[in-house]
Amino acid sequence: MELKRALFNISSLADLGEEITSEKNFREKLRSLLYVVMGTFLASKGAITCQDRTGKKIMFAARKGFEKLSLEDIDFEFVREAEKNEPYHAENDAALRAAGVEIITPLWVRSEFIGTIMLSNKFTREPYTREDFEILKVIAQQIAITLNNRALFINLTEQLGDNRKLYEEMRKIYHDTLQAFAAAIDAKDVYTRHHSQRVAKYSAVIARELGWSDHDIEGIYVAGFLHDVGKLVISNDILNKRTPFTQKEMEEVKKHSLLSYKIISHIKFPWKDVENIVKHHHERPDGTGYPDALSQSDLSEGAKILALADSFDAMTSKRAYRDKMGLKEALSELNRCLNKQFDDKIMLAFCRVLDKEIKGELPEPNILPHLDKNSDLSVITALLEGLIEELSGNGED
């Protein structure tokens, strides 16, 4: 997938989200989104359908082509039984095939059926690929959320007392969307499955230990989820290679932080500096990182947190070309790279969190559950206490 294609998809979805509360612009924005989706997959016809207010009838929300398609002739019970937000070929429905529908995607938000995306075959007559289906699934997730949010908003205007409930629902759905993006990244790189979720969680607990506000903690959590989204435009052959990268391949992989920045900079986040935290998560205090070779004083605390969280999870996860490190070995490696690759203050906060988890002083462990269950925690505790004492003595406390 080309970078421009990813940018168009994500930025268009974000723009639509901004207009979700405007009835005047909603239909126009939804039609524009359909055109972007059709252009992405080179489809000659397309449609987005949704349920009416009663939930008993399916209607067109936007369409181009498919004028002869009657929704009353379609067996939507069969569509409802298909896997949620998963595209599939419409070869078993005579009405769909007769109207030229090649791909149909049922739209769901949790347990609620929202509607469908329908696409014809491609202008080029090429078949839809596995990558097409992966990207369409992420798009389907966002469209389903958009349609659902609109319905929720309309209900809100009629029942003002449900305001807080709507806010929490939309906030939770937003995080569901982030997980959908993380899942798309996982699908590209089988050896980093759930990496983005863990990095997000590690980053959040470090920020909390440093005294960040709940709002800013949520921001770095989002940055953790999205820090590798640029890998969506890097070749699968490189990402899933079973031997160490060549110099040329490494340079290609290094592009992912800048690609991630370019993609998410088109989204207006309610948190500050998310895009720059993502862009700089491979920078180093000694100035040898990438993409901008920033040094200690130029790096935000968020970028330093994400850098450590990302590296720690990479060390303690298995790769195609190496086994994962044990906790003790990973901590020793982090300590060895202090002031070159990692910041003392961030390392101290991380050690404190891990020490508290081992001692059972936190209500919900966030790091230990993902590590080697055979680790000798008594040895780790002694190592952590030594590191904490040493780092605290450096004036970073």
Protein backbone atom coordinates (compact mmCIF):
# COMPACT_ATOMS: atom_id res chain seq x y z
CA MET A 1 0.00 0.00 0.00
CA GLU A 2 1.38 3.44 -0.94
CA LEU A 3 1.79 6.11 1.72
CA LYS A 4 -0.66 8.44 -0.04
CA ARG A 5 -3.30 5.74 0.12
CA ALA A 6 -2.89 5.35 3.87
CA LEU A 7 -2.93 9.13 4.39
CA PHE A 8 -6.11 9.57 2.36
CA ASN A 9 -7.89 6.81 4.25
CA ILE A 10 -6.99 7.94 7.74
CA SER A 11 -7.24 11.70 7.25
CA SER A 12 -10.64 11.34 5.58
CA LEU A 13 -11.91 9.25 8.46
CA ALA A 14 -10.63 11.83 10.93
CA ASP A 15 -12.31 14.69 9.03
CA LEU A 16 -15.60 12.82 9.05
CA GLY A 17 -15.32 12.35 12.79
CA GLU A 18 -15.02 16.12 13.28
CA GLU A 19 -18.38 16.66 11.57
CA ILE A 20 -20.21 13.88 13.39
CA THR A 21 -22.48 16.29 15.28
CA SER A 22 -23.50 18.33 12.20
CA GLU A 23 -26.59 16.96 10.45
CA LYS A 24 -26.15 19.53 7.68
CA ASN A 25 -22.73 18.26 6.65
CA PHE A 26 -23.07 14.61 7.61
CA ARG A 27 -24.47 13.26 4.33
CA GLU A 28 -21.95 15.22 2.27
CA LYS A 29 -19.06 14.00 4.40
CA LEU A 30 -20.29 10.43 4.26
CA ARG A 31 -20.54 10.62 0.47
CA SER A 32 -17.01 12.01 0.31
CA LEU A 33 -15.78 9.16 2.48
CA LEU A 34 -17.42 6.62 0.18
CA TYR A 35 -15.61 8.16 -2.80
CA VAL A 36 -12.30 7.90 -0.94
CA VAL A 37 -12.96 4.23 -0.14
CA MET A 38 -13.90 3.51 -3.76
CA GLY A 39 -10.79 5.30 -4.98
CA THR A 40 -8.61 3.40 -2.54
CA PHE A 41 -9.70 0.06 -3.95
CA LEU A 42 -10.31 1.28 -7.55
CA ALA A 43 -13.96 0.19 -7.33
CA SER A 44 -16.36 1.50 -10.00
CA LYS A 45 -19.40 1.38 -7.70
CA GLY A 46 -19.90 1.62 -3.98
CA ALA A 47 -22.47 2.07 -1.24
CA ILE A 48 -22.72 2.51 2.52
CA THR A 49 -25.96 1.33 4.10
CA CYS A 50 -27.28 1.77 7.61
CA GLN A 51 -30.28 0.88 9.74
CA ASP A 52 -33.12 3.34 10.18
CA ARG A 53 -34.14 4.69 13.59
CA THR A 54 -36.35 1.68 14.28
CA GLY A 55 -33.56 -0.79 13.58
CA LYS A 56 -35.91 -2.78 11.33
CA LYS A 57 -35.07 -1.38 7.90
CA ILE A 58 -31.83 -0.96 5.94
CA MET A 59 -31.40 2.16 3.83
CA PHE A 60 -28.69 3.78 1.72
CA ALA A 61 -26.58 6.31 3.61
CA ALA A 62 -24.41 7.03 0.54
CA ARG A 63 -23.94 5.40 -2.83
CA LYS A 64 -22.40 5.83 -6.26
CA GLY A 65 -23.66 3.42 -8.86
CA PHE A 66 -25.81 0.47 -7.78
CA GLU A 67 -28.94 2.40 -8.87
CA LYS A 68 -30.63 -0.87 -9.76
CA LEU A 69 -29.85 -2.45 -6.39
CA SER A 70 -32.97 -2.91 -4.26
CA LEU A 71 -32.13 -3.34 -0.58
CA GLU A 72 -35.45 -5.11 -0.05
CA ASP A 73 -34.19 -8.01 -2.21
CA ILE A 74 -31.12 -8.61 -0.04
CA ASP A 75 -31.04 -11.24 2.70
CA PHE A 76 -29.61 -9.09 5.49
CA GLU A 77 -30.06 -11.91 7.99
CA PHE A 78 -27.34 -13.75 6.09
CA VAL A 79 -25.17 -10.62 6.19
CA ARG A 80 -25.71 -10.29 9.95
CA GLU A 81 -24.41 -13.83 10.43
CA ALA A 82 -21.10 -13.03 8.71
CA GLU A 83 -18.06 -12.20 10.84
CA LYS A 84 -18.18 -8.67 12.22
CA ASN A 85 -16.42 -5.97 10.12
CA GLU A 86 -14.85 -8.71 7.95
CA PRO A 87 -15.14 -8.20 4.16
CA TYR A 88 -16.27 -11.18 2.09
CA HIS A 89 -17.15 -11.96 -1.52
CA ALA A 90 -20.86 -11.59 -2.25
CA GLU A 91 -21.01 -14.63 -4.50
CA ASN A 92 -23.78 -16.40 -2.56
CA ASP A 93 -26.41 -13.65 -2.84
CA ALA A 94 -28.09 -13.54 -6.26
CA ALA A 95 -29.47 -9.99 -5.76
CA LEU A 96 -26.06 -8.62 -4.85
CA ARG A 97 -24.29 -10.38 -7.71
CA ALA A 98 -26.95 -9.25 -10.20
CA ALA A 99 -26.40 -5.63 -9.15
CA GLY A 100 -22.62 -5.97 -9.49
CA VAL A 101 -21.67 -6.13 -5.82
CA GLU A 102 -18.31 -7.91 -5.49
CA ILE A 103 -17.42 -7.28 -1.83
CA ILE A 104 -19.72 -6.68 1.14
CA THR A 105 -18.59 -5.83 4.66
CA PRO A 106 -21.07 -6.03 7.57
CA LEU A 107 -20.60 -3.08 9.94
CA TRP A 108 -20.80 -3.76 13.66
CA VAL A 109 -20.09 -1.86 16.85
CA ARG A 110 -19.80 -4.43 19.60
CA SER A 111 -23.05 -6.43 19.48
CA GLU A 112 -24.99 -4.00 17.29
CA PHE A 113 -25.36 -4.38 13.53
CA ILE A 114 -24.97 -0.93 11.92
CA GLY A 115 -25.09 -1.51 8.16
CA THR A 116 -22.75 -2.49 5.33
CA ILE A 117 -20.11 -1.33 2.87
CA MET A 118 -20.64 -2.64 -0.66
CA LEU A 119 -18.05 -2.43 -3.43
CA SER A 120 -18.09 -3.54 -7.06
CA ASN A 121 -15.15 -5.15 -8.80
CA LYS A 122 -12.08 -3.02 -9.61
CA PHE A 123 -11.64 -0.92 -12.72
CA THR A 124 -8.51 -2.96 -13.36
CA ARG A 125 -10.36 -6.28 -13.04
CA GLU A 126 -7.71 -7.35 -10.53
CA PRO A 127 -8.96 -9.43 -7.58
CA TYR A 128 -9.17 -8.02 -4.07
CA THR A 129 -6.07 -9.04 -2.12
CA ARG A 130 -5.52 -10.03 1.48
CA GLU A 131 -4.01 -6.61 2.15
CA ASP A 132 -7.12 -4.97 0.64
CA PHE A 133 -9.25 -6.94 3.09
CA GLU A 134 -7.04 -5.97 6.06
CA ILE A 135 -7.26 -2.26 5.24
CA LEU A 136 -10.99 -2.47 4.45
CA LYS A 137 -11.57 -4.08 7.84
CA VAL A 138 -9.94 -1.11 9.62
CA ILE A 139 -11.97 1.32 7.49
CA ALA A 140 -15.15 -0.66 8.23
CA GLN A 141 -14.49 -0.37 11.95
CA GLN A 142 -14.28 3.43 11.70
CA ILE A 143 -17.34 3.78 9.44
CA ALA A 144 -19.37 1.61 11.82
CA ILE A 145 -18.26 3.81 14.71
CA THR A 146 -19.09 6.96 12.74
CA LEU A 147 -22.62 5.77 11.93
CA ASN A 148 -23.13 4.58 15.48
CA ASN A 149 -21.87 7.86 16.93
CA ARG A 150 -24.30 9.80 14.76
CA ALA A 151 -27.20 7.69 16.01
CA LEU A 152 -26.01 8.21 19.57
CA PHE A 153 -25.81 11.95 19.01
CA ILE A 154 -29.34 12.15 17.62
CA ASN A 155 -30.61 10.26 20.66
CA LEU A 156 -28.68 12.67 22.87
CA THR A 157 -30.45 15.70 21.44
CA GLU A 158 -33.73 14.05 22.40
CA GLN A 159 -32.59 12.85 25.81
CA LEU A 160 -30.17 15.38 27.26
CA GLY A 161 -29.90 13.40 30.45
CA ASP A 162 -27.82 10.76 28.63
CA ASN A 163 -24.97 13.21 27.91
CA ARG A 164 -22.33 11.67 30.14
CA LYS A 165 -23.22 8.14 29.06
CA LEU A 166 -22.74 9.13 25.42
CA TYR A 167 -19.38 10.72 26.16
CA GLU A 168 -18.10 7.58 27.87
CA GLU A 169 -19.43 5.40 25.08
CA MET A 170 -17.77 7.47 22.37
CA ARG A 171 -14.53 7.56 24.35
CA LYS A 172 -14.55 3.78 24.71
CA ILE A 173 -15.30 3.34 21.02
CA TYR A 174 -12.38 5.67 20.22
CA HIS A 175 -10.08 3.31 22.09
CA ASP A 176 -11.65 0.36 20.26
CA THR A 177 -10.60 2.09 17.03
CA LEU A 178 -7.03 2.43 18.26
CA GLN A 179 -7.01 -1.29 18.96
CA ALA A 180 -8.24 -1.90 15.41
CA PHE A 181 -5.23 0.04 14.08
CA ALA A 182 -2.94 -1.94 16.37
CA ALA A 183 -4.48 -5.15 15.07
CA ALA A 184 -3.79 -4.06 11.50
CA ILE A 185 -0.14 -3.51 12.43
CA ASP A 186 -0.04 -6.94 14.10
CA ALA A 187 -1.36 -8.48 10.89
CA LYS A 188 1.62 -7.02 9.03
CA ASP A 189 4.28 -8.18 11.48
CA VAL A 190 3.52 -11.53 13.12
CA TYR A 191 6.57 -11.32 15.40
CA THR A 192 5.41 -8.13 17.13
CA ARG A 193 1.85 -9.23 17.88
CA HIS A 194 0.33 -7.13 20.68
CA HIS A 195 3.52 -5.03 20.80
CA SER A 196 1.63 -1.75 20.39
CA GLN A 197 -0.78 -2.57 23.21
CA ARG A 198 2.06 -3.41 25.58
CA VAL A 199 4.06 -0.31 24.68
CA ALA A 200 0.95 1.81 25.28
CA LYS A 201 0.43 0.22 28.69
CA TYR A 202 4.10 0.49 29.73
CA SER A 203 4.23 4.13 28.64
CA ALA A 204 1.10 4.98 30.62
CA VAL A 205 2.35 3.44 33.88
CA ILE A 206 5.72 5.22 33.58
CA ALA A 207 3.95 8.53 32.97
CA ARG A 208 1.71 7.92 35.99
CA GLU A 209 4.77 7.24 38.16
CA LEU A 210 6.19 10.56 36.97
CA GLY A 211 3.05 12.36 38.13
CA TRP A 212 1.43 13.11 34.79
CA SER A 213 -2.24 14.11 34.74
CA ASP A 214 -4.86 11.54 33.69
CA HIS A 215 -5.47 13.50 30.48
CA ASP A 216 -1.79 13.48 29.48
CA ILE A 217 -1.44 9.81 30.47
CA GLU A 218 -4.24 8.98 28.05
CA GLY A 219 -2.37 10.93 25.37
CA ILE A 220 0.84 8.93 25.70
CA TYR A 221 -1.22 5.74 25.86
CA VAL A 222 -2.64 6.68 22.43
CA ALA A 223 0.88 7.48 21.17
CA GLY A 224 1.98 4.01 22.28
CA PHE A 225 -0.83 2.41 20.32
CA LEU A 226 0.00 4.35 17.14
CA HIS A 227 3.79 4.53 17.27
CA ASP A 228 4.27 1.77 14.67
CA VAL A 229 1.35 2.58 12.35
CA GLY A 230 3.90 3.54 9.67
CA LYS A 231 4.74 -0.16 9.35
CA LEU A 232 1.50 -0.52 7.39
CA VAL A 233 3.35 0.86 4.37
CA ILE A 234 6.51 -1.25 4.75
CA SER A 235 6.85 -4.53 2.87
CA ASN A 236 5.71 -7.70 4.63
CA ASP A 237 8.80 -9.47 3.29
CA ILE A 238 11.01 -7.15 5.31
CA LEU A 239 8.92 -7.07 8.49
CA ASN A 240 8.63 -10.86 8.68
CA LYS A 241 12.17 -11.67 7.61
CA ARG A 242 13.67 -14.54 9.63
CA THR A 243 17.28 -13.33 9.43
CA PRO A 244 18.83 -10.02 10.55
CA PHE A 245 18.17 -7.05 8.28
CA THR A 246 20.67 -5.93 5.68
CA GLN A 247 21.78 -2.29 5.82
CA LYS A 248 19.33 -1.39 3.05
CA GLU A 249 16.48 -3.20 4.77
CA MET A 250 17.30 -1.52 8.08
CA GLU A 251 17.12 1.88 6.41
CA GLU A 252 13.68 0.94 5.08
CA VAL A 253 12.49 -0.14 8.53
CA LYS A 254 13.83 3.08 10.06
CA LYS A 255 11.41 5.03 7.90
CA HIS A 256 8.47 3.79 9.98
CA SER A 257 8.67 6.45 12.70
CA LEU A 258 8.53 9.27 10.12
CA LEU A 259 5.77 7.47 8.21
CA SER A 260 3.82 7.08 11.45
CA TYR A 261 4.19 10.81 12.07
CA LYS A 262 2.99 11.72 8.57
CA ILE A 263 -0.06 9.51 8.94
CA ILE A 264 -1.24 10.59 12.38
CA SER A 265 -0.37 14.28 11.92
CA HIS A 266 -3.58 14.44 9.84
CA ILE A 267 -5.63 13.56 12.93
CA LYS A 268 -6.63 16.30 15.39
CA PHE A 269 -6.03 14.70 18.78
CA PRO A 270 -7.41 16.12 22.04
CA TRP A 271 -3.97 15.50 23.58
CA LYS A 272 -0.86 17.58 23.01
CA ASP A 273 2.21 16.43 21.08
CA VAL A 274 1.03 12.87 20.25
CA GLU A 275 2.41 13.06 16.70
CA ASN A 276 5.83 14.32 17.82
CA ILE A 277 6.12 11.71 20.57
CA VAL A 278 5.50 9.08 17.90
CA LYS A 279 7.94 10.69 15.45
CA HIS A 280 10.77 10.79 18.00
CA HIS A 281 10.42 7.43 19.74
CA HIS A 282 13.67 6.24 18.14
CA GLU A 283 15.66 9.35 19.02
CA ARG A 284 18.43 9.04 21.66
CA PRO A 285 19.83 11.41 24.30
CA ASP A 286 23.30 11.08 22.74
CA GLY A 287 22.01 12.40 19.40
CA THR A 288 22.52 9.21 17.37
CA GLY A 289 18.85 8.34 16.93
CA TYR A 290 16.47 8.91 14.02
CA PRO A 291 14.82 10.50 12.07
CA ASP A 292 16.07 13.93 13.27
CA ALA A 293 19.16 13.04 15.39
CA LEU A 294 17.81 15.04 18.34
CA SER A 295 19.80 15.20 21.58
CA GLN A 296 18.80 15.09 25.26
CA SER A 297 17.67 18.70 25.62
CA ASP A 298 15.58 18.58 22.43
CA LEU A 299 13.59 15.48 23.37
CA SER A 300 10.23 15.66 25.15
CA GLU A 301 9.63 13.56 28.22
CA GLY A 302 6.94 11.70 26.29
CA ALA A 303 9.37 10.69 23.54
CA LYS A 304 11.85 9.46 26.15
CA ILE A 305 9.13 7.40 27.86
CA LEU A 306 7.99 5.83 24.60
CA ALA A 307 11.59 5.06 23.58
CA LEU A 308 12.23 3.08 26.75
CA ALA A 309 8.86 1.30 26.70
CA ASP A 310 9.30 0.34 23.04
CA SER A 311 12.84 -0.97 23.54
CA PHE A 312 11.99 -2.89 26.70
CA ASP A 313 9.13 -4.71 25.01
CA ALA A 314 11.29 -5.45 21.97
CA MET A 315 13.98 -6.94 24.25
CA THR A 316 11.52 -9.12 26.16
CA SER A 317 9.69 -10.37 23.03
CA LYS A 318 10.72 -13.16 20.67
CA ARG A 319 11.82 -12.24 17.17
CA ALA A 320 12.22 -14.39 14.08
CA TYR A 321 16.01 -14.16 14.35
CA ARG A 322 16.49 -14.29 18.17
CA ASP A 323 14.92 -15.43 21.43
CA LYS A 324 13.53 -12.94 23.91
CA MET A 325 15.64 -11.67 26.79
CA GLY A 326 14.89 -12.49 30.41
CA LEU A 327 13.84 -9.66 32.70
CA LYS A 328 17.22 -9.47 34.44
CA GLU A 329 19.11 -9.38 31.14
CA ALA A 330 16.77 -6.71 29.74
CA LEU A 331 17.19 -4.49 32.82
CA SER A 332 20.96 -4.84 32.58
CA GLU A 333 20.83 -3.83 28.92
CA LEU A 334 18.67 -0.79 29.70
CA ASN A 335 21.12 0.22 32.43
CA ARG A 336 24.09 -0.23 30.08
CA CYS A 337 22.50 2.15 27.58
CA LEU A 338 21.64 4.92 30.06
CA ASN A 339 22.43 8.45 28.87
CA LYS A 340 23.21 7.07 25.41
CA GLN A 341 19.87 5.57 24.42
CA PHE A 342 17.70 6.07 27.52
CA ASP A 343 17.08 8.84 30.05
CA ASP A 344 17.96 8.38 33.76
CA LYS A 345 14.72 9.91 35.04
CA ILE A 346 12.57 7.67 32.85
CA MET A 347 14.60 4.60 33.79
CA LEU A 348 14.18 5.43 37.50
CA ALA A 349 10.40 5.74 37.14
CA PHE A 350 10.26 2.46 35.19
CA CYS A 351 12.30 0.65 37.85
CA ARG A 352 10.08 2.00 40.60
CA VAL A 353 6.94 0.74 38.86
CA LEU A 354 8.44 -2.70 38.30
CA ASP A 355 9.68 -2.85 41.90
CA LYS A 356 6.20 -1.96 43.18
CA GLU A 357 4.61 -4.63 40.97
CA ILE A 358 6.99 -7.31 42.24
CA LYS A 359 6.28 -6.30 45.85
CA GLY A 360 2.52 -6.33 45.26
CA GLU A 361 2.16 -2.63 46.04
CA LEU A 362 0.07 -1.81 42.95
CA PRO A 363 -3.60 -2.87 42.57
CA GLU A 364 -3.12 -4.00 38.95
CA PRO A 365 0.27 -5.08 37.55
CA ASN A 366 0.84 -3.84 33.99
CA ILE A 367 4.36 -5.09 33.20
CA LEU A 368 4.89 -8.42 34.98
CA PRO A 369 1.97 -10.25 33.28
CA HIS A 370 3.75 -10.01 29.92
CA LEU A 371 7.16 -11.22 31.07
CA ASP A 372 8.83 -14.61 31.48
CA LYS A 373 6.98 -16.43 34.28
CA ASN A 374 10.23 -18.25 35.19
CA SER A 375 12.04 -15.06 36.25
CA ASP A 376 13.63 -15.22 39.69
CA LEU A 377 11.84 -12.23 41.22
CA SER A 378 14.02 -12.19 44.35
CA VAL A 379 17.11 -11.66 42.21
CA ILE A 380 15.25 -9.06 40.15
CA THR A 381 14.17 -7.20 43.30
CA ALA A 382 17.78 -6.94 44.48
CA LEU A 383 18.85 -5.69 41.05
CA LEU A 384 16.03 -3.14 40.96
CA GLU A 385 16.80 -1.84 44.43
CA GLY A 386 20.42 -1.34 43.40
CA LEU A 387 19.39 0.48 40.23
CA ILE A 388 16.91 2.68 42.10
CA GLU A 389 19.53 3.61 44.70
CA GLU A 390 22.11 4.36 42.01
CA LEU A 391 19.72 6.42 39.86
CA SER A 392 18.31 8.30 42.86
CA GLY A 393 21.86 9.18 43.87
CA ASN A 394 22.40 10.82 40.48
CA GLY A 395 19.94 13.56 41.46
CA GLU A 396 17.13 12.31 39.23
CA ASP A 397 14.72 11.64 42.07
